[in-house]
């Protein structure tokens, strides 16, 4: 995600379905308390 890959490309690299990628992204966003992909990527850097 931080490399700017789309869901399809992430799925191909991880050998999982696009639906699984989407599910993981929803869970990541929920745990980080963010609404967008960009916010999820930036969030860990806020603590560095």
PDB file of N, CA and C in Angstrom:
ATOM      1  N   UNK A   1       0.832  -1.172   0.000  1.00  0.00           N
ATOM      2  CA  UNK A   1       0.000   0.000   0.000  1.00  0.00           C
ATOM      3  C   UNK A   1       0.883   1.245   0.000  1.00  0.00           C
ATOM      4  N   UNK A   2       1.934   1.239   0.801  1.00  0.00           N
ATOM      5  CA  UNK A   2       2.815   2.397   0.874  1.00  0.00           C
ATOM      6  C   UNK A   2       3.565   2.613  -0.434  1.00  0.00           C
ATOM      7  N   UNK A   3       3.669   1.580  -1.240  1.00  0.00           N
ATOM      8  CA  UNK A   3       4.342   1.702  -2.540  1.00  0.00           C
ATOM      9  C   UNK A   3       3.409   2.220  -3.614  1.00  0.00           C
ATOM     10  N   UNK A   4       2.162   2.501  -3.256  1.00  0.00           N
ATOM     11  CA  UNK A   4       1.212   3.035  -4.213  1.00  0.00           C
ATOM     12  C   UNK A   4       0.552   1.991  -5.093  1.00  0.00           C
ATOM     13  N   UNK A   5       0.619   0.739  -4.688  1.00  0.00           N
ATOM     14  CA  UNK A   5       0.012  -0.335  -5.471  1.00  0.00           C
ATOM     15  C   UNK A   5      -1.503  -0.318  -5.310  1.00  0.00           C
ATOM     16  N   UNK A   6      -2.184  -0.688  -6.351  1.00  0.00           N
ATOM     17  CA  UNK A   6      -3.622  -0.850  -6.292  1.00  0.00           C
ATOM     18  C   UNK A   6      -3.969  -2.207  -5.713  1.00  0.00           C
ATOM     19  N   UNK A   7      -5.242  -2.402  -5.461  1.00  0.00           N
ATOM     20  CA  UNK A   7      -5.694  -3.665  -4.871  1.00  0.00           C
ATOM     21  C   UNK A   7      -5.325  -4.863  -5.738  1.00  0.00           C
ATOM     22  N   UNK A   8      -5.483  -4.724  -7.028  1.00  0.00           N
ATOM     23  CA  UNK A   8      -5.178  -5.839  -7.941  1.00  0.00           C
ATOM     24  C   UNK A   8      -3.700  -6.217  -7.862  1.00  0.00           C
ATOM     25  N   UNK A   9      -2.829  -5.211  -7.866  1.00  0.00           N
ATOM     26  CA  UNK A   9      -1.392  -5.486  -7.811  1.00  0.00           C
ATOM     27  C   UNK A   9      -0.982  -6.084  -6.467  1.00  0.00           C
ATOM     28  N   UNK A  10      -1.570  -5.582  -5.397  1.00  0.00           N
ATOM     29  CA  UNK A  10      -1.268  -6.163  -4.085  1.00  0.00           C
ATOM     30  C   UNK A  10      -1.719  -7.619  -4.031  1.00  0.00           C
ATOM     31  N   UNK A  11      -2.898  -7.893  -4.562  1.00  0.00           N
ATOM     32  CA  UNK A  11      -3.412  -9.266  -4.569  1.00  0.00           C
ATOM     33  C   UNK A  11      -2.484 -10.194  -5.340  1.00  0.00           C
ATOM     34  N   UNK A  12      -2.019  -9.741  -6.475  1.00  0.00           N
ATOM     35  CA  UNK A  12      -1.109 -10.569  -7.282  1.00  0.00           C
ATOM     36  C   UNK A  12       0.192 -10.844  -6.549  1.00  0.00           C
ATOM     37  N   UNK A  13       0.739  -9.820  -5.907  1.00  0.00           N
ATOM     38  CA  UNK A  13       2.004 -10.000  -5.186  1.00  0.00           C
ATOM     39  C   UNK A  13       1.855 -10.918  -3.983  1.00  0.00           C
ATOM     40  N   UNK A  14       0.693 -10.883  -3.348  1.00  0.00           N
ATOM     41  CA  UNK A  14       0.469 -11.687  -2.143  1.00  0.00           C
ATOM     42  C   UNK A  14      -0.198 -13.027  -2.430  1.00  0.00           C
ATOM     43  N   UNK A  15      -0.548 -13.256  -3.702  1.00  0.00           N
ATOM     44  CA  UNK A  15      -1.205 -14.501  -4.110  1.00  0.00           C
ATOM     45  C   UNK A  15      -2.529 -14.708  -3.365  1.00  0.00           C
ATOM     46  N   UNK A  16      -3.301 -13.631  -3.256  1.00  0.00           N
ATOM     47  CA  UNK A  16      -4.628 -13.681  -2.644  1.00  0.00           C
ATOM     48  C   UNK A  16      -5.602 -12.965  -3.571  1.00  0.00           C
ATOM     49  N   UNK A  17      -6.880 -13.048  -3.281  1.00  0.00           N
ATOM     50  CA  UNK A  17      -7.877 -12.402  -4.132  1.00  0.00           C
ATOM     51  C   UNK A  17      -7.965 -10.914  -3.820  1.00  0.00           C
ATOM     52  N   UNK A  18      -8.510 -10.160  -4.770  1.00  0.00           N
ATOM     53  CA  UNK A  18      -8.742  -8.736  -4.552  1.00  0.00           C
ATOM     54  C   UNK A  18      -9.711  -8.513  -3.394  1.00  0.00           C
ATOM     55  N   UNK A  19     -10.692  -9.383  -3.281  1.00  0.00           N
ATOM     56  CA  UNK A  19     -11.661  -9.263  -2.188  1.00  0.00           C
ATOM     57  C   UNK A  19     -10.962  -9.393  -0.834  1.00  0.00           C
ATOM     58  N   UNK A  20      -9.992 -10.284  -0.745  1.00  0.00           N
ATOM     59  CA  UNK A  20      -9.239 -10.456   0.501  1.00  0.00           C
ATOM     60  C   UNK A  20      -8.414  -9.208   0.799  1.00  0.00           C
ATOM     61  N   UNK A  21      -7.816  -8.624  -0.216  1.00  0.00           N
ATOM     62  CA  UNK A  21      -7.064  -7.381  -0.036  1.00  0.00           C
ATOM     63  C   UNK A  21      -7.992  -6.297   0.505  1.00  0.00           C
ATOM     64  N   UNK A  22      -9.159  -6.157  -0.096  1.00  0.00           N
ATOM     65  CA  UNK A  22     -10.119  -5.140   0.343  1.00  0.00           C
ATOM     66  C   UNK A  22     -10.518  -5.350   1.797  1.00  0.00           C
ATOM     67  N   UNK A  23     -10.743  -6.601   2.174  1.00  0.00           N
ATOM     68  CA  UNK A  23     -11.109  -6.912   3.552  1.00  0.00           C
ATOM     69  C   UNK A  23      -9.986  -6.516   4.506  1.00  0.00           C
ATOM     70  N   UNK A  24      -8.762  -6.861   4.145  1.00  0.00           N
ATOM     71  CA  UNK A  24      -7.619  -6.499   4.990  1.00  0.00           C
ATOM     72  C   UNK A  24      -7.490  -4.984   5.112  1.00  0.00           C
ATOM     73  N   UNK A  25      -7.695  -4.271   4.023  1.00  0.00           N
ATOM     74  CA  UNK A  25      -7.586  -2.813   4.064  1.00  0.00           C
ATOM     75  C   UNK A  25      -8.647  -2.189   4.960  1.00  0.00           C
ATOM     76  N   UNK A  26      -9.855  -2.729   4.919  1.00  0.00           N
ATOM     77  CA  UNK A  26     -10.913  -2.238   5.812  1.00  0.00           C
ATOM     78  C   UNK A  26     -10.504  -2.439   7.265  1.00  0.00           C
ATOM     79  N   UNK A  27      -9.954  -3.610   7.584  1.00  0.00           N
ATOM     80  CA  UNK A  27      -9.534  -3.886   8.956  1.00  0.00           C
ATOM     81  C   UNK A  27      -8.374  -2.984   9.377  1.00  0.00           C
ATOM     82  N   UNK A  28      -7.433  -2.758   8.479  1.00  0.00           N
ATOM     83  CA  UNK A  28      -6.308  -1.860   8.774  1.00  0.00           C
ATOM     84  C   UNK A  28      -6.817  -0.453   9.055  1.00  0.00           C
ATOM     85  N   UNK A  29      -7.694   0.047   8.190  1.00  0.00           N
ATOM     86  CA  UNK A  29      -8.230   1.394   8.373  1.00  0.00           C
ATOM     87  C   UNK A  29      -8.986   1.516   9.691  1.00  0.00           C
ATOM     88  N   UNK A  30      -9.756   0.496  10.032  1.00  0.00           N
ATOM     89  CA  UNK A  30     -10.511   0.511  11.283  1.00  0.00           C
ATOM     90  C   UNK A  30      -9.565   0.548  12.481  1.00  0.00           C
ATOM     91  N   UNK A  31      -8.552  -0.297  12.474  1.00  0.00           N
ATOM     92  CA  UNK A  31      -7.623  -0.353  13.599  1.00  0.00           C
ATOM     93  C   UNK A  31      -6.817   0.934  13.744  1.00  0.00           C
ATOM     94  N   UNK A  32      -6.509   1.565  12.629  1.00  0.00           N
ATOM     95  CA  UNK A  32      -5.753   2.821  12.677  1.00  0.00           C
ATOM     96  C   UNK A  32      -6.647   4.023  12.917  1.00  0.00           C
ATOM     97  N   UNK A  33      -7.953   3.836  12.775  1.00  0.00           N
ATOM     98  CA  UNK A  33      -8.892   4.931  12.976  1.00  0.00           C
ATOM     99  C   UNK A  33      -8.846   5.960  11.866  1.00  0.00           C
ATOM    100  N   UNK A  34      -8.668   5.491  10.640  1.00  0.00           N
ATOM    101  CA  UNK A  34      -8.593   6.384   9.483  1.00  0.00           C
ATOM    102  C   UNK A  34      -9.653   5.996   8.459  1.00  0.00           C
ATOM    103  N   UNK A  35      -9.883   6.908   7.505  1.00  0.00           N
ATOM    104  CA  UNK A  35     -10.907   6.668   6.488  1.00  0.00           C
ATOM    105  C   UNK A  35     -10.352   6.421   5.093  1.00  0.00           C
ATOM    106  N   UNK A  36      -9.104   6.799   4.860  1.00  0.00           N
ATOM    107  CA  UNK A  36      -8.561   6.695   3.508  1.00  0.00           C
ATOM    108  C   UNK A  36      -7.262   5.899   3.497  1.00  0.00           C
ATOM    109  N   UNK A  37      -6.924   5.431   2.340  1.00  0.00           N
ATOM    110  CA  UNK A  37      -5.683   4.688   2.140  1.00  0.00           C
ATOM    111  C   UNK A  37      -4.476   5.575   2.460  1.00  0.00           C
ATOM    112  N   UNK A  38      -4.518   6.816   2.001  1.00  0.00           N
ATOM    113  CA  UNK A  38      -3.401   7.731   2.242  1.00  0.00           C
ATOM    114  C   UNK A  38      -3.211   7.991   3.732  1.00  0.00           C
ATOM    115  N   UNK A  39      -4.299   8.147   4.448  1.00  0.00           N
ATOM    116  CA  UNK A  39      -4.210   8.365   5.895  1.00  0.00           C
ATOM    117  C   UNK A  39      -3.619   7.144   6.589  1.00  0.00           C
ATOM    118  N   UNK A  40      -3.950   5.963   6.129  1.00  0.00           N
ATOM    119  CA  UNK A  40      -3.400   4.733   6.708  1.00  0.00           C
ATOM    120  C   UNK A  40      -1.899   4.651   6.475  1.00  0.00           C
ATOM    121  N   UNK A  41      -1.454   5.092   5.313  1.00  0.00           N
ATOM    122  CA  UNK A  41      -0.027   5.066   4.998  1.00  0.00           C
ATOM    123  C   UNK A  41       0.717   6.096   5.839  1.00  0.00           C
ATOM    124  N   UNK A  42       0.133   7.272   6.012  1.00  0.00           N
ATOM    125  CA  UNK A  42       0.803   8.342   6.754  1.00  0.00           C
ATOM    126  C   UNK A  42       0.789   8.128   8.258  1.00  0.00           C
ATOM    127  N   UNK A  43      -0.190   7.437   8.761  1.00  0.00           N
ATOM    128  CA  UNK A  43      -0.391   7.293  10.211  1.00  0.00           C
ATOM    129  C   UNK A  43       0.848   6.780  10.957  1.00  0.00           C
ATOM    130  N   UNK A  44       1.480   5.694  10.545  1.00  0.00           N
ATOM    131  CA  UNK A  44       2.658   5.215  11.289  1.00  0.00           C
ATOM    132  C   UNK A  44       3.802   6.221  11.310  1.00  0.00           C
ATOM    133  N   UNK A  45       3.931   7.020  10.282  1.00  0.00           N
ATOM    134  CA  UNK A  45       5.005   8.007  10.221  1.00  0.00           C
ATOM    135  C   UNK A  45       4.776   9.140  11.203  1.00  0.00           C
ATOM    136  N   UNK A  46       3.550   9.340  11.652  1.00  0.00           N
ATOM    137  CA  UNK A  46       3.250  10.393  12.613  1.00  0.00           C
ATOM    138  C   UNK A  46       3.883  10.080  13.974  1.00  0.00           C
ATOM    139  N   UNK A  47       4.156   8.808  14.227  1.00  0.00           N
ATOM    140  CA  UNK A  47       4.728   8.398  15.505  1.00  0.00           C
ATOM    141  C   UNK A  47       6.237   8.226  15.457  1.00  0.00           C
ATOM    142  N   UNK A  48       6.817   8.367  14.286  1.00  0.00           N
ATOM    143  CA  UNK A  48       8.266   8.149  14.136  1.00  0.00           C
ATOM    144  C   UNK A  48       9.059   9.338  14.604  1.00  0.00           C
TER     145      UNK A  48
END
